[in-house]
Amino acid sequence: AIEAAAAGFDVTCLSLVPARRSHSSAAQGGMQAALGN
């Protein structure tokens, strides 16, 4: 949605719950990315 909105398009998201209660919020451990830091 962010990518489309940033390009000037009208975007609507539908959700069973408020966006910040989406199940993504329950993820704990982290995100893999090869930064090598």
All heavy atoms as atom14 arrays in JSON, in Angstrom:
{
  "sequence": "AIEAAAAGFDVTCLSLVPARRSHSSAAQGGMQAALGN",
  "atom14_mask": [
    [1, 1, 1, 1, 1, 0, 0, 0, 0, 0, 0, 0, 0, 0],
    [1, 1, 1, 1, 1, 1, 1, 1, 0, 0, 0, 0, 0, 0],
    [1, 1, 1, 1, 1, 1, 1, 1, 1, 0, 0, 0, 0, 0],
    [1, 1, 1, 1, 1, 0, 0, 0, 0, 0, 0, 0, 0, 0],
    [1, 1, 1, 1, 1, 0, 0, 0, 0, 0, 0, 0, 0, 0],
    [1, 1, 1, 1, 1, 0, 0, 0, 0, 0, 0, 0, 0, 0],
    [1, 1, 1, 1, 1, 0, 0, 0, 0, 0, 0, 0, 0, 0],
    [1, 1, 1, 1, 0, 0, 0, 0, 0, 0, 0, 0, 0, 0],
    [1, 1, 1, 1, 1, 1, 1, 1, 1, 1, 1, 0, 0, 0],
    [1, 1, 1, 1, 1, 1, 1, 1, 0, 0, 0, 0, 0, 0],
    [1, 1, 1, 1, 1, 1, 1, 0, 0, 0, 0, 0, 0, 0],
    [1, 1, 1, 1, 1, 1, 1, 0, 0, 0, 0, 0, 0, 0],
    [1, 1, 1, 1, 1, 1, 0, 0, 0, 0, 0, 0, 0, 0],
    [1, 1, 1, 1, 1, 1, 1, 1, 0, 0, 0, 0, 0, 0],
    [1, 1, 1, 1, 1, 1, 0, 0, 0, 0, 0, 0, 0, 0],
    [1, 1, 1, 1, 1, 1, 1, 1, 0, 0, 0, 0, 0, 0],
    [1, 1, 1, 1, 1, 1, 1, 0, 0, 0, 0, 0, 0, 0],
    [1, 1, 1, 1, 1, 1, 1, 0, 0, 0, 0, 0, 0, 0],
    [1, 1, 1, 1, 1, 0, 0, 0, 0, 0, 0, 0, 0, 0],
    [1, 1, 1, 1, 1, 1, 1, 1, 1, 1, 1, 0, 0, 0],
    [1, 1, 1, 1, 1, 1, 1, 1, 1, 1, 1, 0, 0, 0],
    [1, 1, 1, 1, 1, 1, 0, 0, 0, 0, 0, 0, 0, 0],
    [1, 1, 1, 1, 1, 1, 1, 1, 1, 1, 0, 0, 0, 0],
    [1, 1, 1, 1, 1, 1, 0, 0, 0, 0, 0, 0, 0, 0],
    [1, 1, 1, 1, 1, 1, 0, 0, 0, 0, 0, 0, 0, 0],
    [1, 1, 1, 1, 1, 0, 0, 0, 0, 0, 0, 0, 0, 0],
    [1, 1, 1, 1, 1, 0, 0, 0, 0, 0, 0, 0, 0, 0],
    [1, 1, 1, 1, 1, 1, 1, 1, 1, 0, 0, 0, 0, 0],
    [1, 1, 1, 1, 0, 0, 0, 0, 0, 0, 0, 0, 0, 0],
    [1, 1, 1, 1, 0, 0, 0, 0, 0, 0, 0, 0, 0, 0],
    [1, 1, 1, 1, 1, 1, 1, 1, 0, 0, 0, 0, 0, 0],
    [1, 1, 1, 1, 1, 1, 1, 1, 1, 0, 0, 0, 0, 0],
    [1, 1, 1, 1, 1, 0, 0, 0, 0, 0, 0, 0, 0, 0],
    [1, 1, 1, 1, 1, 0, 0, 0, 0, 0, 0, 0, 0, 0],
    [1, 1, 1, 1, 1, 1, 1, 1, 0, 0, 0, 0, 0, 0],
    [1, 1, 1, 1, 0, 0, 0, 0, 0, 0, 0, 0, 0, 0],
    [1, 1, 1, 1, 1, 1, 1, 1, 0, 0, 0, 0, 0, 0]
  ],
  "atom14_positions": [
    [[0.83, -1.21, 0.0], [0.0, 0.0, 0.0], [0.86, 1.26, 0.0], [0.56, 2.24, -0.7], [-0.92, -0.01, 1.22], [0.0, 0.0, 0.0], [0.0, 0.0, 0.0], [0.0, 0.0, 0.0], [0.0, 0.0, 0.0], [0.0, 0.0, 0.0], [0.0, 0.0, 0.0], [0.0, 0.0, 0.0], [0.0, 0.0, 0.0], [0.0, 0.0, 0.0]],
    [[1.94, 1.25, 0.77], [2.84, 2.4, 0.86], [3.46, 2.7, -0.5], [3.56, 3.86, -0.93], [3.92, 2.15, 1.93], [3.3, 2.29, 3.32], [5.11, 3.07, 1.76], [4.19, 1.79, 4.44], [0.0, 0.0, 0.0], [0.0, 0.0, 0.0], [0.0, 0.0, 0.0], [0.0, 0.0, 0.0], [0.0, 0.0, 0.0], [0.0, 0.0, 0.0]],
    [[3.88, 1.66, -1.19], [4.52, 1.84, -2.5], [3.53, 2.49, -3.48], [3.89, 3.4, -4.24], [5.0, 0.49, -3.04], [6.12, 0.57, -4.05], [7.46, 0.96, -3.46], [7.64, 0.81, -2.23], [8.33, 1.42, -4.23], [0.0, 0.0, 0.0], [0.0, 0.0, 0.0], [0.0, 0.0, 0.0], [0.0, 0.0, 0.0], [0.0, 0.0, 0.0]],
    [[2.28, 2.02, -3.47], [1.27, 2.56, -4.39], [0.87, 3.97, -3.99], [0.73, 4.85, -4.85], [0.05, 1.65, -4.42], [0.0, 0.0, 0.0], [0.0, 0.0, 0.0], [0.0, 0.0, 0.0], [0.0, 0.0, 0.0], [0.0, 0.0, 0.0], [0.0, 0.0, 0.0], [0.0, 0.0, 0.0], [0.0, 0.0, 0.0], [0.0, 0.0, 0.0]],
    [[0.7, 4.21, -2.69], [0.31, 5.55, -2.23], [1.39, 6.57, -2.51], [1.11, 7.72, -2.88], [-0.02, 5.51, -0.74], [0.0, 0.0, 0.0], [0.0, 0.0, 0.0], [0.0, 0.0, 0.0], [0.0, 0.0, 0.0], [0.0, 0.0, 0.0], [0.0, 0.0, 0.0], [0.0, 0.0, 0.0], [0.0, 0.0, 0.0], [0.0, 0.0, 0.0]],
    [[2.65, 6.16, -2.36], [3.77, 7.07, -2.63], [3.83, 7.45, -4.1], [4.35, 8.52, -4.45], [5.09, 6.42, -2.21], [0.0, 0.0, 0.0], [0.0, 0.0, 0.0], [0.0, 0.0, 0.0], [0.0, 0.0, 0.0], [0.0, 0.0, 0.0], [0.0, 0.0, 0.0], [0.0, 0.0, 0.0], [0.0, 0.0, 0.0], [0.0, 0.0, 0.0]],
    [[3.25, 6.61, -4.98], [3.22, 6.9, -6.41], [1.98, 7.7, -6.8], [1.75, 7.95, -7.99], [3.28, 5.6, -7.21], [0.0, 0.0, 0.0], [0.0, 0.0, 0.0], [0.0, 0.0, 0.0], [0.0, 0.0, 0.0], [0.0, 0.0, 0.0], [0.0, 0.0, 0.0], [0.0, 0.0, 0.0], [0.0, 0.0, 0.0], [0.0, 0.0, 0.0]],
    [[1.18, 8.05, -5.81], [0.02, 8.91, -6.07], [-1.29, 8.2, -6.29], [-2.29, 8.85, -6.65], [0.0, 0.0, 0.0], [0.0, 0.0, 0.0], [0.0, 0.0, 0.0], [0.0, 0.0, 0.0], [0.0, 0.0, 0.0], [0.0, 0.0, 0.0], [0.0, 0.0, 0.0], [0.0, 0.0, 0.0], [0.0, 0.0, 0.0], [0.0, 0.0, 0.0]],
    [[-1.36, 6.9, -6.04], [-2.6, 6.17, -6.25], [-3.43, 6.11, -4.98], [-2.9, 6.15, -3.86], [-2.3, 4.74, -6.74], [-1.7, 4.71, -8.12], [-0.34, 4.49, -8.3], [-2.49, 4.92, -9.24], [0.22, 4.47, -9.56], [-1.94, 4.91, -10.51], [-0.58, 4.68, -10.68], [0.0, 0.0, 0.0], [0.0, 0.0, 0.0], [0.0, 0.0, 0.0]],
    [[-4.74, 5.99, -5.16], [-5.66, 5.87, -4.04], [-5.63, 4.42, -3.54], [-5.77, 3.49, -4.34], [-7.07, 6.25, -4.5], [-8.06, 6.25, -3.36], [-7.79, 6.92, -2.35], [-9.11, 5.58, -3.47], [0.0, 0.0, 0.0], [0.0, 0.0, 0.0], [0.0, 0.0, 0.0], [0.0, 0.0, 0.0], [0.0, 0.0, 0.0], [0.0, 0.0, 0.0]],
    [[-5.45, 4.24, -2.23], [-5.28, 2.9, -1.67], [-6.22, 2.72, -0.47], [-6.31, 3.6, 0.39], [-3.83, 2.66, -1.2], [-3.68, 1.23, -0.67], [-2.85, 2.91, -2.34], [0.0, 0.0, 0.0], [0.0, 0.0, 0.0], [0.0, 0.0, 0.0], [0.0, 0.0, 0.0], [0.0, 0.0, 0.0], [0.0, 0.0, 0.0], [0.0, 0.0, 0.0]],
    [[-6.89, 1.59, -0.44], [-7.73, 1.21, 0.7], [-7.31, -0.16, 1.19], [-7.19, -1.1, 0.39], [-9.22, 1.18, 0.31], [-9.61, 2.47, -0.16], [-10.08, 0.79, 1.5], [0.0, 0.0, 0.0], [0.0, 0.0, 0.0], [0.0, 0.0, 0.0], [0.0, 0.0, 0.0], [0.0, 0.0, 0.0], [0.0, 0.0, 0.0], [0.0, 0.0, 0.0]],
    [[-7.09, -0.28, 2.5], [-6.78, -1.57, 3.13], [-7.98, -2.04, 3.94], [-8.59, -1.24, 4.65], [-5.57, -1.46, 4.05], [-3.99, -1.18, 3.25], [0.0, 0.0, 0.0], [0.0, 0.0, 0.0], [0.0, 0.0, 0.0], [0.0, 0.0, 0.0], [0.0, 0.0, 0.0], [0.0, 0.0, 0.0], [0.0, 0.0, 0.0], [0.0, 0.0, 0.0]],
    [[-8.32, -3.31, 3.83], [-9.37, -3.92, 4.64], [-8.72, -4.83, 5.68], [-7.77, -5.56, 5.36], [-10.33, -4.74, 3.77], [-10.95, -4.04, 2.57], [-11.92, -4.98, 1.86], [-11.64, -2.75, 2.97], [0.0, 0.0, 0.0], [0.0, 0.0, 0.0], [0.0, 0.0, 0.0], [0.0, 0.0, 0.0], [0.0, 0.0, 0.0], [0.0, 0.0, 0.0]],
    [[-9.24, -4.8, 6.89], [-8.62, -5.59, 7.95], [-9.68, -6.09, 8.92], [-10.65, -5.38, 9.23], [-7.58, -4.75, 8.71], [-6.98, -5.5, 9.75], [0.0, 0.0, 0.0], [0.0, 0.0, 0.0], [0.0, 0.0, 0.0], [0.0, 0.0, 0.0], [0.0, 0.0, 0.0], [0.0, 0.0, 0.0], [0.0, 0.0, 0.0], [0.0, 0.0, 0.0]],
    [[-9.51, -7.32, 9.4], [-10.41, -7.87, 10.41], [-10.27, -7.13, 11.73], [-11.22, -7.09, 12.52], [-10.11, -9.36, 10.63], [-10.42, -10.3, 9.47], [-9.84, -11.68, 9.75], [-11.91, -10.4, 9.24], [0.0, 0.0, 0.0], [0.0, 0.0, 0.0], [0.0, 0.0, 0.0], [0.0, 0.0, 0.0], [0.0, 0.0, 0.0], [0.0, 0.0, 0.0]],
    [[-9.09, -6.58, 11.98], [-8.79, -5.9, 13.24], [-8.13, -4.56, 12.92], [-7.72, -4.33, 11.78], [-7.84, -6.77, 14.11], [-8.54, -8.02, 14.6], [-6.58, -7.14, 13.34], [0.0, 0.0, 0.0], [0.0, 0.0, 0.0], [0.0, 0.0, 0.0], [0.0, 0.0, 0.0], [0.0, 0.0, 0.0], [0.0, 0.0, 0.0], [0.0, 0.0, 0.0]],
    [[-8.0, -3.67, 13.91], [-7.2, -2.46, 13.65], [-5.82, -2.84, 13.13], [-5.23, -3.84, 13.56], [-7.14, -1.8, 15.04], [-8.39, -2.25, 15.72], [-8.61, -3.66, 15.25], [0.0, 0.0, 0.0], [0.0, 0.0, 0.0], [0.0, 0.0, 0.0], [0.0, 0.0, 0.0], [0.0, 0.0, 0.0], [0.0, 0.0, 0.0], [0.0, 0.0, 0.0]],
    [[-5.29, -2.05, 12.21], [-4.07, -2.41, 11.5], [-2.95, -2.81, 12.45], [-2.21, -3.78, 12.19], [-3.62, -1.26, 10.61], [0.0, 0.0, 0.0], [0.0, 0.0, 0.0], [0.0, 0.0, 0.0], [0.0, 0.0, 0.0], [0.0, 0.0, 0.0], [0.0, 0.0, 0.0], [0.0, 0.0, 0.0], [0.0, 0.0, 0.0], [0.0, 0.0, 0.0]],
    [[-2.8, -2.13, 13.56], [-1.68, -2.41, 14.47], [-1.91, -3.66, 15.32], [-1.02, -4.05, 16.07], [-1.43, -1.2, 15.37], [-0.97, 0.02, 14.57], [-0.53, 1.17, 15.44], [-0.12, 2.31, 14.62], [0.58, 3.34, 15.06], [0.95, 3.4, 16.33], [0.92, 4.33, 14.25], [0.0, 0.0, 0.0], [0.0, 0.0, 0.0], [0.0, 0.0, 0.0]],
    [[-3.1, -4.27, 15.18], [-3.35, -5.55, 15.84], [-3.24, -6.71, 14.85], [-3.57, -7.85, 15.21], [-4.74, -5.55, 16.49], [-4.89, -4.55, 17.62], [-3.88, -4.78, 18.73], [-3.95, -6.12, 19.28], [-2.93, -6.74, 19.87], [-1.74, -6.15, 19.96], [-3.08, -7.94, 20.35], [0.0, 0.0, 0.0], [0.0, 0.0, 0.0], [0.0, 0.0, 0.0]],
    [[-2.8, -6.43, 13.63], [-2.58, -7.51, 12.66], [-1.58, -8.51, 13.23], [-0.75, -8.18, 14.08], [-2.06, -6.94, 11.34], [-3.0, -6.04, 10.78], [0.0, 0.0, 0.0], [0.0, 0.0, 0.0], [0.0, 0.0, 0.0], [0.0, 0.0, 0.0], [0.0, 0.0, 0.0], [0.0, 0.0, 0.0], [0.0, 0.0, 0.0], [0.0, 0.0, 0.0]],
    [[-1.64, -9.75, 12.73], [-0.82, -10.81, 13.32], [0.67, -10.57, 13.15], [1.48, -11.16, 13.85], [-1.22, -12.16, 12.75], [-0.73, -13.33, 13.55], [-0.83, -13.38, 14.93], [-0.14, -14.49, 13.19], [-0.32, -14.51, 15.38], [0.11, -15.21, 14.34], [0.0, 0.0, 0.0], [0.0, 0.0, 0.0], [0.0, 0.0, 0.0], [0.0, 0.0, 0.0]],
    [[1.04, -9.69, 12.22], [2.46, -9.33, 12.07], [3.03, -8.82, 13.38], [4.23, -8.98, 13.66], [2.62, -8.24, 11.0], [2.19, -8.69, 9.73], [0.0, 0.0, 0.0], [0.0, 0.0, 0.0], [0.0, 0.0, 0.0], [0.0, 0.0, 0.0], [0.0, 0.0, 0.0], [0.0, 0.0, 0.0], [0.0, 0.0, 0.0], [0.0, 0.0, 0.0]],
    [[2.2, -8.19, 14.2], [2.69, -7.61, 15.46], [3.13, -8.67, 16.45], [3.87, -8.37, 17.4], [1.61, -6.73, 16.1], [0.51, -7.53, 16.53], [0.0, 0.0, 0.0], [0.0, 0.0, 0.0], [0.0, 0.0, 0.0], [0.0, 0.0, 0.0], [0.0, 0.0, 0.0], [0.0, 0.0, 0.0], [0.0, 0.0, 0.0], [0.0, 0.0, 0.0]],
    [[2.71, -9.93, 16.25], [3.07, -10.99, 17.18], [4.43, -11.6, 16.89], [4.95, -12.36, 17.71], [2.0, -12.09, 17.16], [0.0, 0.0, 0.0], [0.0, 0.0, 0.0], [0.0, 0.0, 0.0], [0.0, 0.0, 0.0], [0.0, 0.0, 0.0], [0.0, 0.0, 0.0], [0.0, 0.0, 0.0], [0.0, 0.0, 0.0], [0.0, 0.0, 0.0]],
    [[5.02, -11.29, 15.72], [6.33, -11.86, 15.37], [7.39, -11.36, 16.34], [7.46, -10.17, 16.63], [6.7, -11.48, 13.94], [0.0, 0.0, 0.0], [0.0, 0.0, 0.0], [0.0, 0.0, 0.0], [0.0, 0.0, 0.0], [0.0, 0.0, 0.0], [0.0, 0.0, 0.0], [0.0, 0.0, 0.0], [0.0, 0.0, 0.0], [0.0, 0.0, 0.0]],
    [[8.22, -12.26, 16.81], [9.15, -11.92, 17.89], [10.6, -11.81, 17.44], [11.25, -10.79, 17.63], [9.02, -12.98, 19.01], [7.66, -13.05, 19.65], [7.52, -14.24, 20.6], [8.43, -15.04, 20.77], [6.35, -14.36, 21.2], [0.0, 0.0, 0.0], [0.0, 0.0, 0.0], [0.0, 0.0, 0.0], [0.0, 0.0, 0.0], [0.0, 0.0, 0.0]],
    [[11.13, -12.88, 16.85], [12.57, -13.05, 16.77], [13.34, -12.1, 15.9], [14.39, -11.6, 16.29], [0.0, 0.0, 0.0], [0.0, 0.0, 0.0], [0.0, 0.0, 0.0], [0.0, 0.0, 0.0], [0.0, 0.0, 0.0], [0.0, 0.0, 0.0], [0.0, 0.0, 0.0], [0.0, 0.0, 0.0], [0.0, 0.0, 0.0], [0.0, 0.0, 0.0]],
    [[12.85, -11.83, 14.65], [13.61, -10.92, 13.8], [13.44, -11.19, 12.33], [12.64, -12.02, 11.91], [0.0, 0.0, 0.0], [0.0, 0.0, 0.0], [0.0, 0.0, 0.0], [0.0, 0.0, 0.0], [0.0, 0.0, 0.0], [0.0, 0.0, 0.0], [0.0, 0.0, 0.0], [0.0, 0.0, 0.0], [0.0, 0.0, 0.0], [0.0, 0.0, 0.0]],
    [[14.24, -10.46, 11.53], [14.19, -10.52, 10.07], [15.58, -10.81, 9.52], [16.55, -10.13, 9.88], [13.73, -9.17, 9.5], [12.31, -8.79, 9.84], [11.94, -7.18, 9.09], [10.15, -7.14, 9.26], [0.0, 0.0, 0.0], [0.0, 0.0, 0.0], [0.0, 0.0, 0.0], [0.0, 0.0, 0.0], [0.0, 0.0, 0.0], [0.0, 0.0, 0.0]],
    [[15.67, -11.78, 8.63], [16.97, -12.13, 8.07], [17.36, -11.18, 6.94], [16.57, -10.9, 6.04], [16.95, -13.56, 7.53], [17.03, -14.61, 8.62], [17.63, -15.91, 8.12], [18.57, -15.91, 7.33], [17.09, -17.02, 8.57], [0.0, 0.0, 0.0], [0.0, 0.0, 0.0], [0.0, 0.0, 0.0], [0.0, 0.0, 0.0], [0.0, 0.0, 0.0]],
    [[18.59, -10.68, 7.01], [19.18, -9.87, 5.95], [20.69, -9.93, 6.11], [21.21, -9.77, 7.22], [18.7, -8.42, 6.02], [0.0, 0.0, 0.0], [0.0, 0.0, 0.0], [0.0, 0.0, 0.0], [0.0, 0.0, 0.0], [0.0, 0.0, 0.0], [0.0, 0.0, 0.0], [0.0, 0.0, 0.0], [0.0, 0.0, 0.0], [0.0, 0.0, 0.0]],
    [[21.41, -10.15, 5.02], [22.86, -10.36, 5.08], [23.58, -9.02, 5.18], [24.1, -8.49, 4.2], [23.33, -11.13, 3.85], [0.0, 0.0, 0.0], [0.0, 0.0, 0.0], [0.0, 0.0, 0.0], [0.0, 0.0, 0.0], [0.0, 0.0, 0.0], [0.0, 0.0, 0.0], [0.0, 0.0, 0.0], [0.0, 0.0, 0.0], [0.0, 0.0, 0.0]],
    [[23.65, -8.47, 6.39], [24.35, -7.21, 6.63], [25.8, -7.44, 7.06], [26.67, -6.61, 6.79], [23.61, -6.4, 7.7], [22.17, -6.0, 7.35], [21.52, -5.28, 8.54], [22.14, -5.11, 6.13], [0.0, 0.0, 0.0], [0.0, 0.0, 0.0], [0.0, 0.0, 0.0], [0.0, 0.0, 0.0], [0.0, 0.0, 0.0], [0.0, 0.0, 0.0]],
    [[26.05, -8.56, 7.74], [27.43, -8.89, 8.14], [28.03, -7.93, 9.14], [29.25, -7.73, 9.14], [0.0, 0.0, 0.0], [0.0, 0.0, 0.0], [0.0, 0.0, 0.0], [0.0, 0.0, 0.0], [0.0, 0.0, 0.0], [0.0, 0.0, 0.0], [0.0, 0.0, 0.0], [0.0, 0.0, 0.0], [0.0, 0.0, 0.0], [0.0, 0.0, 0.0]],
    [[27.21, -7.32, 10.0], [27.73, -6.31, 10.91], [28.28, -6.87, 12.21], [29.29, -6.39, 12.72], [26.62, -5.29, 11.25], [26.25, -4.44, 10.06], [27.03, -4.27, 9.13], [25.03, -3.91, 10.06], [0.0, 0.0, 0.0], [0.0, 0.0, 0.0], [0.0, 0.0, 0.0], [0.0, 0.0, 0.0], [0.0, 0.0, 0.0], [0.0, 0.0, 0.0]]
  ]
}
